[in-house]
Amino acid sequence: MCYKLITFDFTGTLMRFRIPPHVQYERIASLYGVEIKNTQAFHKNFKTAFKTADNEHPNFGCNTNLHWTQWWVNVVKNTFIGAGVEDSPHLDSIAWHLIKLYSTTEGWEVVPV
């Protein structure tokens, strides 16, 4: 048997977040002066924003020709907007900051064996 592609569930299997995502999002938002007034709604809204993006643009946008970075920008912005934060250019800046952060080891650590 010849395998052409092997995939892994990356998050939680091979690597894990150094800091819980909602905490990281809040920290980065504060750098841009964005205040999250309803933190409970904010914490829950990431899953909603992620599921919505996945339903509209499966496989991180690959199936609908949406670039993966725009897919994540949409998730980040909708996480904030769904928690009552007004849409602004700051949300784009926050999204790109997070994309860059999670593209490095700063956002991740190896799951111990």
PDB file of N, CA and C in Angstrom:
ATOM      1  N   MET A   1       0.846  -1.173   0.000  1.00  0.00           N
ATOM      2  CA  MET A   1       0.000   0.000   0.000  1.00  0.00           C
ATOM      3  C   MET A   1       0.894   1.240   0.000  1.00  0.00           C
ATOM      4  N   CYS A   2       0.557   2.187  -0.841  1.00  0.00           N
ATOM      5  CA  CYS A   2       1.326   3.424  -0.950  1.00  0.00           C
ATOM      6  C   CYS A   2       0.503   4.578  -0.376  1.00  0.00           C
ATOM      7  N   TYR A   3       1.052   5.267   0.600  1.00  0.00           N
ATOM      8  CA  TYR A   3       0.369   6.413   1.190  1.00  0.00           C
ATOM      9  C   TYR A   3       0.819   7.681   0.487  1.00  0.00           C
ATOM     10  N   LYS A   4      -0.136   8.491   0.094  1.00  0.00           N
ATOM     11  CA  LYS A   4       0.181   9.754  -0.564  1.00  0.00           C
ATOM     12  C   LYS A   4       0.107  10.924   0.404  1.00  0.00           C
ATOM     13  N   LEU A   5      -0.693  10.755   1.448  1.00  0.00           N
ATOM     14  CA  LEU A   5      -0.865  11.845   2.396  1.00  0.00           C
ATOM     15  C   LEU A   5      -1.191  11.275   3.762  1.00  0.00           C
ATOM     16  N   ILE A   6      -0.503  11.757   4.744  1.00  0.00           N
ATOM     17  CA  ILE A   6      -0.805  11.406   6.130  1.00  0.00           C
ATOM     18  C   ILE A   6      -1.073  12.717   6.848  1.00  0.00           C
ATOM     19  N   THR A   7      -2.182  12.788   7.553  1.00  0.00           N
ATOM     20  CA  THR A   7      -2.515  14.006   8.287  1.00  0.00           C
ATOM     21  C   THR A   7      -2.560  13.711   9.781  1.00  0.00           C
ATOM     22  N   PHE A   8      -2.392  14.746  10.558  1.00  0.00           N
ATOM     23  CA  PHE A   8      -2.436  14.647  12.006  1.00  0.00           C
ATOM     24  C   PHE A   8      -3.369  15.713  12.547  1.00  0.00           C
ATOM     25  N   ASP A   9      -4.019  15.401  13.648  1.00  0.00           N
ATOM     26  CA  ASP A   9      -4.757  16.410  14.389  1.00  0.00           C
ATOM     27  C   ASP A   9      -3.702  17.148  15.202  1.00  0.00           C
ATOM     28  N   PHE A  10      -3.287  18.295  14.726  1.00  0.00           N
ATOM     29  CA  PHE A  10      -2.151  19.027  15.273  1.00  0.00           C
ATOM     30  C   PHE A  10      -2.388  19.500  16.707  1.00  0.00           C
ATOM     31  N   THR A  11      -3.471  20.242  16.905  1.00  0.00           N
ATOM     32  CA  THR A  11      -3.718  20.886  18.194  1.00  0.00           C
ATOM     33  C   THR A  11      -4.181  19.868  19.228  1.00  0.00           C
ATOM     34  N   GLY A  12      -3.422  19.779  20.286  1.00  0.00           N
ATOM     35  CA  GLY A  12      -3.747  18.868  21.372  1.00  0.00           C
ATOM     36  C   GLY A  12      -3.147  17.485  21.211  1.00  0.00           C
ATOM     37  N   THR A  13      -2.644  17.183  20.022  1.00  0.00           N
ATOM     38  CA  THR A  13      -2.041  15.877  19.765  1.00  0.00           C
ATOM     39  C   THR A  13      -0.527  16.007  19.672  1.00  0.00           C
ATOM     40  N   LEU A  14      -0.081  16.850  18.763  1.00  0.00           N
ATOM     41  CA  LEU A  14       1.352  17.080  18.588  1.00  0.00           C
ATOM     42  C   LEU A  14       1.815  18.319  19.350  1.00  0.00           C
ATOM     43  N   MET A  15       1.001  19.359  19.276  1.00  0.00           N
ATOM     44  CA  MET A  15       1.329  20.625  19.932  1.00  0.00           C
ATOM     45  C   MET A  15       0.105  21.093  20.718  1.00  0.00           C
ATOM     46  N   ARG A  16       0.347  21.977  21.675  1.00  0.00           N
ATOM     47  CA  ARG A  16      -0.756  22.594  22.410  1.00  0.00           C
ATOM     48  C   ARG A  16      -0.444  24.077  22.580  1.00  0.00           C
ATOM     49  N   PHE A  17      -1.479  24.832  22.891  1.00  0.00           N
ATOM     50  CA  PHE A  17      -1.306  26.265  23.080  1.00  0.00           C
ATOM     51  C   PHE A  17      -0.475  26.526  24.333  1.00  0.00           C
ATOM     52  N   ARG A  18       0.450  27.464  24.240  1.00  0.00           N
ATOM     53  CA  ARG A  18       1.201  27.871  25.435  1.00  0.00           C
ATOM     54  C   ARG A  18       0.274  28.587  26.419  1.00  0.00           C
ATOM     55  N   ILE A  19      -0.605  29.392  25.858  1.00  0.00           N
ATOM     56  CA  ILE A  19      -1.566  30.171  26.641  1.00  0.00           C
ATOM     57  C   ILE A  19      -2.935  29.887  26.037  1.00  0.00           C
ATOM     58  N   PRO A  20      -3.977  29.690  26.840  1.00  0.00           N
ATOM     59  CA  PRO A  20      -5.301  29.458  26.256  1.00  0.00           C
ATOM     60  C   PRO A  20      -5.644  30.550  25.238  1.00  0.00           C
ATOM     61  N   PRO A  21      -6.202  30.164  24.094  1.00  0.00           N
ATOM     62  CA  PRO A  21      -6.462  31.147  23.034  1.00  0.00           C
ATOM     63  C   PRO A  21      -7.256  32.368  23.483  1.00  0.00           C
ATOM     64  N   HIS A  22      -8.288  32.185  24.302  1.00  0.00           N
ATOM     65  CA  HIS A  22      -9.071  33.358  24.704  1.00  0.00           C
ATOM     66  C   HIS A  22      -8.220  34.339  25.514  1.00  0.00           C
ATOM     67  N   VAL A  23      -7.285  33.827  26.292  1.00  0.00           N
ATOM     68  CA  VAL A  23      -6.383  34.699  27.056  1.00  0.00           C
ATOM     69  C   VAL A  23      -5.428  35.411  26.094  1.00  0.00           C
ATOM     70  N   GLN A  24      -4.895  34.675  25.131  1.00  0.00           N
ATOM     71  CA  GLN A  24      -3.985  35.268  24.144  1.00  0.00           C
ATOM     72  C   GLN A  24      -4.705  36.342  23.325  1.00  0.00           C
ATOM     73  N   TYR A  25      -5.933  36.046  22.901  1.00  0.00           N
ATOM     74  CA  TYR A  25      -6.719  37.020  22.139  1.00  0.00           C
ATOM     75  C   TYR A  25      -6.921  38.294  22.961  1.00  0.00           C
ATOM     76  N   GLU A  26      -7.258  38.127  24.236  1.00  0.00           N
ATOM     77  CA  GLU A  26      -7.474  39.288  25.105  1.00  0.00           C
ATOM     78  C   GLU A  26      -6.193  40.107  25.257  1.00  0.00           C
ATOM     79  N   ARG A  27      -5.072  39.433  25.426  1.00  0.00           N
ATOM     80  CA  ARG A  27      -3.789  40.134  25.579  1.00  0.00           C
ATOM     81  C   ARG A  27      -3.449  40.945  24.329  1.00  0.00           C
ATOM     82  N   ILE A  28      -3.621  40.321  23.175  1.00  0.00           N
ATOM     83  CA  ILE A  28      -3.306  41.023  21.928  1.00  0.00           C
ATOM     84  C   ILE A  28      -4.292  42.168  21.716  1.00  0.00           C
ATOM     85  N   ALA A  29      -5.557  41.943  22.019  1.00  0.00           N
ATOM     86  CA  ALA A  29      -6.563  43.006  21.878  1.00  0.00           C
ATOM     87  C   ALA A  29      -6.190  44.217  22.722  1.00  0.00           C
ATOM     88  N   SER A  30      -5.694  43.975  23.922  1.00  0.00           N
ATOM     89  CA  SER A  30      -5.338  45.095  24.803  1.00  0.00           C
ATOM     90  C   SER A  30      -4.197  45.926  24.213  1.00  0.00           C
ATOM     91  N   LEU A  31      -3.318  45.292  23.439  1.00  0.00           N
ATOM     92  CA  LEU A  31      -2.231  46.038  22.783  1.00  0.00           C
ATOM     93  C   LEU A  31      -2.769  47.054  21.778  1.00  0.00           C
ATOM     94  N   TYR A  32      -3.962  46.788  21.257  1.00  0.00           N
ATOM     95  CA  TYR A  32      -4.581  47.660  20.257  1.00  0.00           C
ATOM     96  C   TYR A  32      -5.695  48.513  20.859  1.00  0.00           C
ATOM     97  N   GLY A  33      -5.798  48.493  22.180  1.00  0.00           N
ATOM     98  CA  GLY A  33      -6.794  49.312  22.857  1.00  0.00           C
ATOM     99  C   GLY A  33      -8.214  48.799  22.732  1.00  0.00           C
ATOM    100  N   VAL A  34      -8.363  47.530  22.389  1.00  0.00           N
ATOM    101  CA  VAL A  34      -9.700  46.944  22.249  1.00  0.00           C
ATOM    102  C   VAL A  34     -10.074  46.282  23.567  1.00  0.00           C
ATOM    103  N   GLU A  35     -11.191  46.730  24.114  1.00  0.00           N
ATOM    104  CA  GLU A  35     -11.664  46.213  25.395  1.00  0.00           C
ATOM    105  C   GLU A  35     -12.790  45.214  25.165  1.00  0.00           C
ATOM    106  N   ILE A  36     -12.703  44.095  25.838  1.00  0.00           N
ATOM    107  CA  ILE A  36     -13.742  43.070  25.764  1.00  0.00           C
ATOM    108  C   ILE A  36     -14.574  43.196  27.029  1.00  0.00           C
ATOM    109  N   LYS A  37     -15.789  43.693  26.875  1.00  0.00           N
ATOM    110  CA  LYS A  37     -16.630  43.953  28.041  1.00  0.00           C
ATOM    111  C   LYS A  37     -17.305  42.697  28.567  1.00  0.00           C
ATOM    112  N   ASN A  38     -17.676  41.799  27.670  1.00  0.00           N
ATOM    113  CA  ASN A  38     -18.354  40.572  28.083  1.00  0.00           C
ATOM    114  C   ASN A  38     -17.414  39.392  27.824  1.00  0.00           C
ATOM    115  N   THR A  39     -16.524  39.148  28.775  1.00  0.00           N
ATOM    116  CA  THR A  39     -15.507  38.109  28.567  1.00  0.00           C
ATOM    117  C   THR A  39     -16.118  36.714  28.489  1.00  0.00           C
ATOM    118  N   GLN A  40     -17.207  36.486  29.197  1.00  0.00           N
ATOM    119  CA  GLN A  40     -17.839  35.166  29.145  1.00  0.00           C
ATOM    120  C   GLN A  40     -18.358  34.877  27.736  1.00  0.00           C
ATOM    121  N   ALA A  41     -19.029  35.837  27.129  1.00  0.00           N
ATOM    122  CA  ALA A  41     -19.513  35.668  25.752  1.00  0.00           C
ATOM    123  C   ALA A  41     -18.335  35.534  24.796  1.00  0.00           C
ATOM    124  N   PHE A  42     -17.294  36.288  25.056  1.00  0.00           N
ATOM    125  CA  PHE A  42     -16.102  36.237  24.210  1.00  0.00           C
ATOM    126  C   PHE A  42     -15.477  34.842  24.232  1.00  0.00           C
ATOM    127  N   HIS A  43     -15.341  34.268  25.420  1.00  0.00           N
ATOM    128  CA  HIS A  43     -14.732  32.944  25.553  1.00  0.00           C
ATOM    129  C   HIS A  43     -15.520  31.891  24.787  1.00  0.00           C
ATOM    130  N   LYS A  44     -16.839  31.979  24.840  1.00  0.00           N
ATOM    131  CA  LYS A  44     -17.693  31.004  24.158  1.00  0.00           C
ATOM    132  C   LYS A  44     -17.750  31.243  22.652  1.00  0.00           C
ATOM    133  N   ASN A  45     -17.571  32.477  22.241  1.00  0.00           N
ATOM    134  CA  ASN A  45     -17.818  32.831  20.847  1.00  0.00           C
ATOM    135  C   ASN A  45     -16.765  32.314  19.874  1.00  0.00           C
ATOM    136  N   PHE A  46     -15.573  31.984  20.340  1.00  0.00           N
ATOM    137  CA  PHE A  46     -14.560  31.462  19.425  1.00  0.00           C
ATOM    138  C   PHE A  46     -15.064  30.201  18.728  1.00  0.00           C
ATOM    139  N   LYS A  47     -15.645  29.282  19.496  1.00  0.00           N
ATOM    140  CA  LYS A  47     -16.152  28.036  18.901  1.00  0.00           C
ATOM    141  C   LYS A  47     -17.228  28.327  17.868  1.00  0.00           C
ATOM    142  N   THR A  48     -18.093  29.273  18.169  1.00  0.00           N
ATOM    143  CA  THR A  48     -19.156  29.641  17.231  1.00  0.00           C
ATOM    144  C   THR A  48     -18.557  30.209  15.947  1.00  0.00           C
ATOM    145  N   ALA A  49     -17.612  31.125  16.089  1.00  0.00           N
ATOM    146  CA  ALA A  49     -16.980  31.741  14.913  1.00  0.00           C
ATOM    147  C   ALA A  49     -16.223  30.698  14.097  1.00  0.00           C
ATOM    148  N   PHE A  50     -15.561  29.778  14.778  1.00  0.00           N
ATOM    149  CA  PHE A  50     -14.805  28.727  14.095  1.00  0.00           C
ATOM    150  C   PHE A  50     -15.752  27.814  13.311  1.00  0.00           C
ATOM    151  N   LYS A  51     -16.828  27.377  13.963  1.00  0.00           N
ATOM    152  CA  LYS A  51     -17.784  26.478  13.302  1.00  0.00           C
ATOM    153  C   LYS A  51     -18.457  27.155  12.111  1.00  0.00           C
ATOM    154  N   THR A  52     -18.793  28.424  12.258  1.00  0.00           N
ATOM    155  CA  THR A  52     -19.408  29.162  11.153  1.00  0.00           C
ATOM    156  C   THR A  52     -18.454  29.234   9.968  1.00  0.00           C
ATOM    157  N   ALA A  53     -17.204  29.575  10.233  1.00  0.00           N
ATOM    158  CA  ALA A  53     -16.208  29.654   9.157  1.00  0.00           C
ATOM    159  C   ALA A  53     -16.010  28.292   8.502  1.00  0.00           C
ATOM    160  N   ASP A  54     -15.984  27.251   9.314  1.00  0.00           N
ATOM    161  CA  ASP A  54     -15.789  25.906   8.776  1.00  0.00           C
ATOM    162  C   ASP A  54     -16.980  25.464   7.924  1.00  0.00           C
ATOM    163  N   ASN A  55     -18.178  25.843   8.326  1.00  0.00           N
ATOM    164  CA  ASN A  55     -19.366  25.506   7.529  1.00  0.00           C
ATOM    165  C   ASN A  55     -19.396  26.278   6.210  1.00  0.00           C
ATOM    166  N   GLU A  56     -19.034  27.556   6.264  1.00  0.00           N
ATOM    167  CA  GLU A  56     -19.080  28.398   5.065  1.00  0.00           C
ATOM    168  C   GLU A  56     -17.901  28.148   4.133  1.00  0.00           C
ATOM    169  N   HIS A  57     -16.751  27.860   4.714  1.00  0.00           N
ATOM    170  CA  HIS A  57     -15.514  27.667   3.933  1.00  0.00           C
ATOM    171  C   HIS A  57     -14.737  26.489   4.517  1.00  0.00           C
ATOM    172  N   PRO A  58     -15.196  25.252   4.232  1.00  0.00           N
ATOM    173  CA  PRO A  58     -14.559  24.068   4.824  1.00  0.00           C
ATOM    174  C   PRO A  58     -13.061  23.978   4.531  1.00  0.00           C
ATOM    175  N   ASN A  59     -12.395  23.241   5.412  1.00  0.00           N
ATOM    176  CA  ASN A  59     -10.971  22.957   5.238  1.00  0.00           C
ATOM    177  C   ASN A  59     -10.149  24.246   5.175  1.00  0.00           C
ATOM    178  N   PHE A  60     -10.464  25.157   6.088  1.00  0.00           N
ATOM    179  CA  PHE A  60      -9.756  26.439   6.202  1.00  0.00           C
ATOM    180  C   PHE A  60      -9.798  27.243   4.910  1.00  0.00           C
ATOM    181  N   GLY A  61     -10.917  27.127   4.186  1.00  0.00           N
ATOM    182  CA  GLY A  61     -11.118  27.898   2.968  1.00  0.00           C
ATOM    183  C   GLY A  61     -10.645  27.220   1.703  1.00  0.00           C
ATOM    184  N   CYS A  62      -9.950  26.117   1.839  1.00  0.00           N
ATOM    185  CA  CYS A  62      -9.387  25.432   0.671  1.00  0.00           C
ATOM    186  C   CYS A  62     -10.473  25.017  -0.320  1.00  0.00           C
ATOM    187  N   ASN A  63     -11.608  24.580   0.190  1.00  0.00           N
ATOM    188  CA  ASN A  63     -12.680  24.087  -0.684  1.00  0.00           C
ATOM    189  C   ASN A  63     -13.442  25.204  -1.393  1.00  0.00           C
ATOM    190  N   THR A  64     -13.264  26.444  -0.950  1.00  0.00           N
ATOM    191  CA  THR A  64     -13.994  27.562  -1.554  1.00  0.00           C
ATOM    192  C   THR A  64     -13.050  28.645  -2.087  1.00  0.00           C
ATOM    193  N   ASN A  65     -11.790  28.305  -2.213  1.00  0.00           N
ATOM    194  CA  ASN A  65     -10.770  29.229  -2.726  1.00  0.00           C
ATOM    195  C   ASN A  65     -10.601  30.485  -1.875  1.00  0.00           C
ATOM    196  N   LEU A  66     -10.858  30.353  -0.589  1.00  0.00           N
ATOM    197  CA  LEU A  66     -10.582  31.443   0.342  1.00  0.00           C
ATOM    198  C   LEU A  66      -9.215  31.160   0.958  1.00  0.00           C
ATOM    199  N   HIS A  67      -8.320  32.117   0.897  1.00  0.00           N
ATOM    200  CA  HIS A  67      -6.979  31.907   1.455  1.00  0.00           C
ATOM    201  C   HIS A  67      -7.089  31.634   2.953  1.00  0.00           C
ATOM    202  N   TRP A  68      -6.243  30.741   3.445  1.00  0.00           N
ATOM    203  CA  TRP A  68      -6.329  30.351   4.855  1.00  0.00           C
ATOM    204  C   TRP A  68      -6.151  31.538   5.791  1.00  0.00           C
ATOM    205  N   THR A  69      -5.344  32.522   5.397  1.00  0.00           N
ATOM    206  CA  THR A  69      -5.164  33.675   6.282  1.00  0.00           C
ATOM    207  C   THR A  69      -6.453  34.484   6.388  1.00  0.00           C
ATOM    208  N   GLN A  70      -7.176  34.626   5.278  1.00  0.00           N
ATOM    209  CA  GLN A  70      -8.458  35.340   5.335  1.00  0.00           C
ATOM    210  C   GLN A  70      -9.468  34.551   6.155  1.00  0.00           C
ATOM    211  N   TRP A  71      -9.395  33.231   6.072  1.00  0.00           N
ATOM    212  CA  TRP A  71     -10.267  32.374   6.874  1.00  0.00           C
ATOM    213  C   TRP A  71     -10.061  32.694   8.355  1.00  0.00           C
ATOM    214  N   TRP A  72      -8.790  32.772   8.769  1.00  0.00           N
ATOM    215  CA  TRP A  72      -8.499  33.064  10.172  1.00  0.00           C
ATOM    216  C   TRP A  72      -8.839  34.503  10.544  1.00  0.00           C
ATOM    217  N   VAL A  73      -8.612  35.448   9.643  1.00  0.00           N
ATOM    218  CA  VAL A  73      -9.019  36.834   9.913  1.00  0.00           C
ATOM    219  C   VAL A  73     -10.522  36.863  10.196  1.00  0.00           C
ATOM    220  N   ASN A  74     -11.292  36.153   9.390  1.00  0.00           N
ATOM    221  CA  ASN A  74     -12.743  36.100   9.599  1.00  0.00           C
ATOM    222  C   ASN A  74     -13.090  35.503  10.958  1.00  0.00           C
ATOM    223  N   VAL A  75     -12.416  34.417  11.329  1.00  0.00           N
ATOM    224  CA  VAL A  75     -12.686  33.783  12.627  1.00  0.00           C
ATOM    225  C   VAL A  75     -12.383  34.749  13.767  1.00  0.00           C
ATOM    226  N   VAL A  76     -11.225  35.379  13.711  1.00  0.00           N
ATOM    227  CA  VAL A  76     -10.833  36.295  14.789  1.00  0.00           C
ATOM    228  C   VAL A  76     -11.814  37.462  14.879  1.00  0.00           C
ATOM    229  N   LYS A  77     -12.081  38.096  13.749  1.00  0.00           N
ATOM    230  CA  LYS A  77     -12.988  39.244  13.765  1.00  0.00           C
ATOM    231  C   LYS A  77     -14.371  38.848  14.268  1.00  0.00           C
ATOM    232  N   ASN A  78     -14.884  37.720  13.801  1.00  0.00           N
ATOM    233  CA  ASN A  78     -16.219  37.294  14.220  1.00  0.00           C
ATOM    234  C   ASN A  78     -16.257  36.853  15.672  1.00  0.00           C
ATOM    235  N   THR A  79     -15.131  36.401  16.201  1.00  0.00           N
ATOM    236  CA  THR A  79     -15.055  36.093  17.627  1.00  0.00           C
ATOM    237  C   THR A  79     -15.287  37.367  18.439  1.00  0.00           C
ATOM    238  N   PHE A  80     -14.633  38.438  18.043  1.00  0.00           N
ATOM    239  CA  PHE A  80     -14.783  39.714  18.750  1.00  0.00           C
ATOM    240  C   PHE A  80     -16.164  40.330  18.506  1.00  0.00           C
ATOM    241  N   ILE A  81     -16.574  40.380  17.249  1.00  0.00           N
ATOM    242  CA  ILE A  81     -17.851  41.013  16.905  1.00  0.00           C
ATOM    243  C   ILE A  81     -19.012  40.286  17.575  1.00  0.00           C
ATOM    244  N   GLY A  82     -18.949  38.961  17.601  1.00  0.00           N
ATOM    245  CA  GLY A  82     -20.005  38.177  18.236  1.00  0.00           C
ATOM    246  C   GLY A  82     -20.095  38.386  19.736  1.00  0.00           C
ATOM    247  N   ALA A  83     -19.037  38.931  20.315  1.00  0.00           N
ATOM    248  CA  ALA A  83     -19.024  39.213  21.753  1.00  0.00           C
ATOM    249  C   ALA A  83     -19.295  40.691  22.034  1.00  0.00           C
ATOM    250  N   GLY A  84     -19.769  41.407  21.008  1.00  0.00           N
ATOM    251  CA  GLY A  84     -20.171  42.792  21.212  1.00  0.00           C
ATOM    252  C   GLY A  84     -19.106  43.836  20.952  1.00  0.00           C
ATOM    253  N   VAL A  85     -17.953  43.433  20.440  1.00  0.00           N
ATOM    254  CA  VAL A  85     -16.907  44.403  20.107  1.00  0.00           C
ATOM    255  C   VAL A  85     -17.221  44.969  18.723  1.00  0.00           C
ATOM    256  N   GLU A  86     -17.164  46.278  18.611  1.00  0.00           N
ATOM    257  CA  GLU A  86     -17.467  46.932  17.336  1.00  0.00           C
ATOM    258  C   GLU A  86     -16.376  46.632  16.309  1.00  0.00           C
ATOM    259  N   ASP A  87     -16.804  46.357  15.076  1.00  0.00           N
ATOM    260  CA  ASP A  87     -15.844  46.106  13.998  1.00  0.00           C
ATOM    261  C   ASP A  87     -15.036  47.375  13.742  1.00  0.00           C
ATOM    262  N   SER A  88     -13.743  47.202  13.568  1.00  0.00           N
ATOM    263  CA  SER A  88     -12.855  48.335  13.294  1.00  0.00           C
ATOM    264  C   SER A  88     -11.580  47.798  12.661  1.00  0.00           C
ATOM    265  N   PRO A  89     -10.767  48.691  12.101  1.00  0.00           N
ATOM    266  CA  PRO A  89      -9.477  48.246  11.552  1.00  0.00           C
ATOM    267  C   PRO A  89      -8.587  47.573  12.601  1.00  0.00           C
ATOM    268  N   HIS A  90      -8.828  47.884  13.884  1.00  0.00           N
ATOM    269  CA  HIS A  90      -8.045  47.239  14.942  1.00  0.00           C
ATOM    270  C   HIS A  90      -8.245  45.725  14.937  1.00  0.00           C
ATOM    271  N   LEU A  91      -9.452  45.286  14.589  1.00  0.00           N
ATOM    272  CA  LEU A  91      -9.704  43.843  14.577  1.00  0.00           C
ATOM    273  C   LEU A  91      -8.872  43.151  13.499  1.00  0.00           C
ATOM    274  N   ASP A  92      -8.693  43.807  12.364  1.00  0.00           N
ATOM    275  CA  ASP A  92      -7.807  43.251  11.334  1.00  0.00           C
ATOM    276  C   ASP A  92      -6.376  43.165  11.853  1.00  0.00           C
ATOM    277  N   SER A  93      -5.937  44.206  12.537  1.00  0.00           N
ATOM    278  CA  SER A  93      -4.575  44.219  13.090  1.00  0.00           C
ATOM    279  C   SER A  93      -4.401  43.123  14.133  1.00  0.00           C
ATOM    280  N   ILE A  94      -5.408  42.946  14.970  1.00  0.00           N
ATOM    281  CA  ILE A  94      -5.364  41.887  15.983  1.00  0.00           C
ATOM    282  C   ILE A  94      -5.285  40.525  15.298  1.00  0.00           C
ATOM    283  N   ALA A  95      -6.112  40.330  14.276  1.00  0.00           N
ATOM    284  CA  ALA A  95      -6.124  39.048  13.566  1.00  0.00           C
ATOM    285  C   ALA A  95      -4.752  38.743  12.971  1.00  0.00           C
ATOM    286  N   TRP A  96      -4.154  39.715  12.300  1.00  0.00           N
ATOM    287  CA  TRP A  96      -2.836  39.488  11.690  1.00  0.00           C
ATOM    288  C   TRP A  96      -1.762  39.277  12.750  1.00  0.00           C
ATOM    289  N   HIS A  97      -1.870  39.966  13.861  1.00  0.00           N
ATOM    290  CA  HIS A  97      -0.929  39.766  14.965  1.00  0.00           C
ATOM    291  C   HIS A  97      -1.015  38.318  15.457  1.00  0.00           C
ATOM    292  N   LEU A  98      -2.244  37.825  15.626  1.00  0.00           N
ATOM    293  CA  LEU A  98      -2.437  36.450  16.089  1.00  0.00           C
ATOM    294  C   LEU A  98      -1.966  35.432  15.054  1.00  0.00           C
ATOM    295  N   ILE A  99      -2.227  35.694  13.783  1.00  0.00           N
ATOM    296  CA  ILE A  99      -1.760  34.783  12.727  1.00  0.00           C
ATOM    297  C   ILE A  99      -0.238  34.679  12.781  1.00  0.00           C
ATOM    298  N   LYS A 100       0.415  35.811  12.922  1.00  0.00           N
ATOM    299  CA  LYS A 100       1.882  35.797  13.005  1.00  0.00           C
ATOM    300  C   LYS A 100       2.353  35.085  14.269  1.00  0.00           C
ATOM    301  N   LEU A 101       1.693  35.351  15.388  1.00  0.00           N
ATOM    302  CA  LEU A 101       2.070  34.722  16.653  1.00  0.00           C
ATOM    303  C   LEU A 101       1.947  33.202  16.566  1.00  0.00           C
ATOM    304  N   TYR A 102       0.816  32.727  16.050  1.00  0.00           N
ATOM    305  CA  TYR A 102       0.598  31.282  15.975  1.00  0.00           C
ATOM    306  C   TYR A 102       1.370  30.622  14.831  1.00  0.00           C
ATOM    307  N   SER A 103       2.063  31.421  14.044  1.00  0.00           N
ATOM    308  CA  SER A 103       2.946  30.878  13.003  1.00  0.00           C
ATOM    309  C   SER A 103       4.351  30.638  13.542  1.00  0.00           C
ATOM    310  N   THR A 104       4.535  30.909  14.828  1.00  0.00           N
ATOM    311  CA  THR A 104       5.839  30.740  15.466  1.00  0.00           C
ATOM    312  C   THR A 104       5.703  29.826  16.681  1.00  0.00           C
ATOM    313  N   THR A 105       6.819  29.531  17.290  1.00  0.00           N
ATOM    314  CA  THR A 105       6.802  28.720  18.510  1.00  0.00           C
ATOM    315  C   THR A 105       6.302  29.510  19.719  1.00  0.00           C
ATOM    316  N   GLU A 106       6.137  30.807  19.569  1.00  0.00           N
ATOM    317  CA  GLU A 106       5.651  31.625  20.683  1.00  0.00           C
ATOM    318  C   GLU A 106       4.254  31.193  21.133  1.00  0.00           C
ATOM    319  N   GLY A 107       3.453  30.696  20.201  1.00  0.00           N
ATOM    320  CA  GLY A 107       2.087  30.320  20.539  1.00  0.00           C
ATOM    321  C   GLY A 107       1.896  28.860  20.897  1.00  0.00           C
ATOM    322  N   TRP A 108       2.934  28.054  20.730  1.00  0.00           N
ATOM    323  CA  TRP A 108       2.782  26.604  20.855  1.00  0.00           C
ATOM    324  C   TRP A 108       3.849  25.979  21.738  1.00  0.00           C
ATOM    325  N   GLU A 109       3.525  24.795  22.246  1.00  0.00           N
ATOM    326  CA  GLU A 109       4.512  23.955  22.907  1.00  0.00           C
ATOM    327  C   GLU A 109       4.199  22.503  22.570  1.00  0.00           C
ATOM    328  N   VAL A 110       5.211  21.668  22.633  1.00  0.00           N
ATOM    329  CA  VAL A 110       5.056  20.253  22.303  1.00  0.00           C
ATOM    330  C   VAL A 110       4.253  19.566  23.399  1.00  0.00           C
ATOM    331  N   VAL A 111       3.327  18.719  22.981  1.00  0.00           N
ATOM    332  CA  VAL A 111       2.572  17.912  23.940  1.00  0.00           C
ATOM    333  C   VAL A 111       3.517  16.842  24.477  1.00  0.00           C
ATOM    334  N   PRO A 112       3.663  16.765  25.800  1.00  0.00           N
ATOM    335  CA  PRO A 112       4.562  15.744  26.354  1.00  0.00           C
ATOM    336  C   PRO A 112       4.059  14.334  26.035  1.00  0.00           C
ATOM    337  N   VAL A 113       4.995  13.453  25.849  1.00  0.00           N
ATOM    338  CA  VAL A 113       4.655  12.059  25.532  1.00  0.00           C
ATOM    339  C   VAL A 113       4.341  11.304  26.795  1.00  0.00           C
TER     340      VAL A 113
END
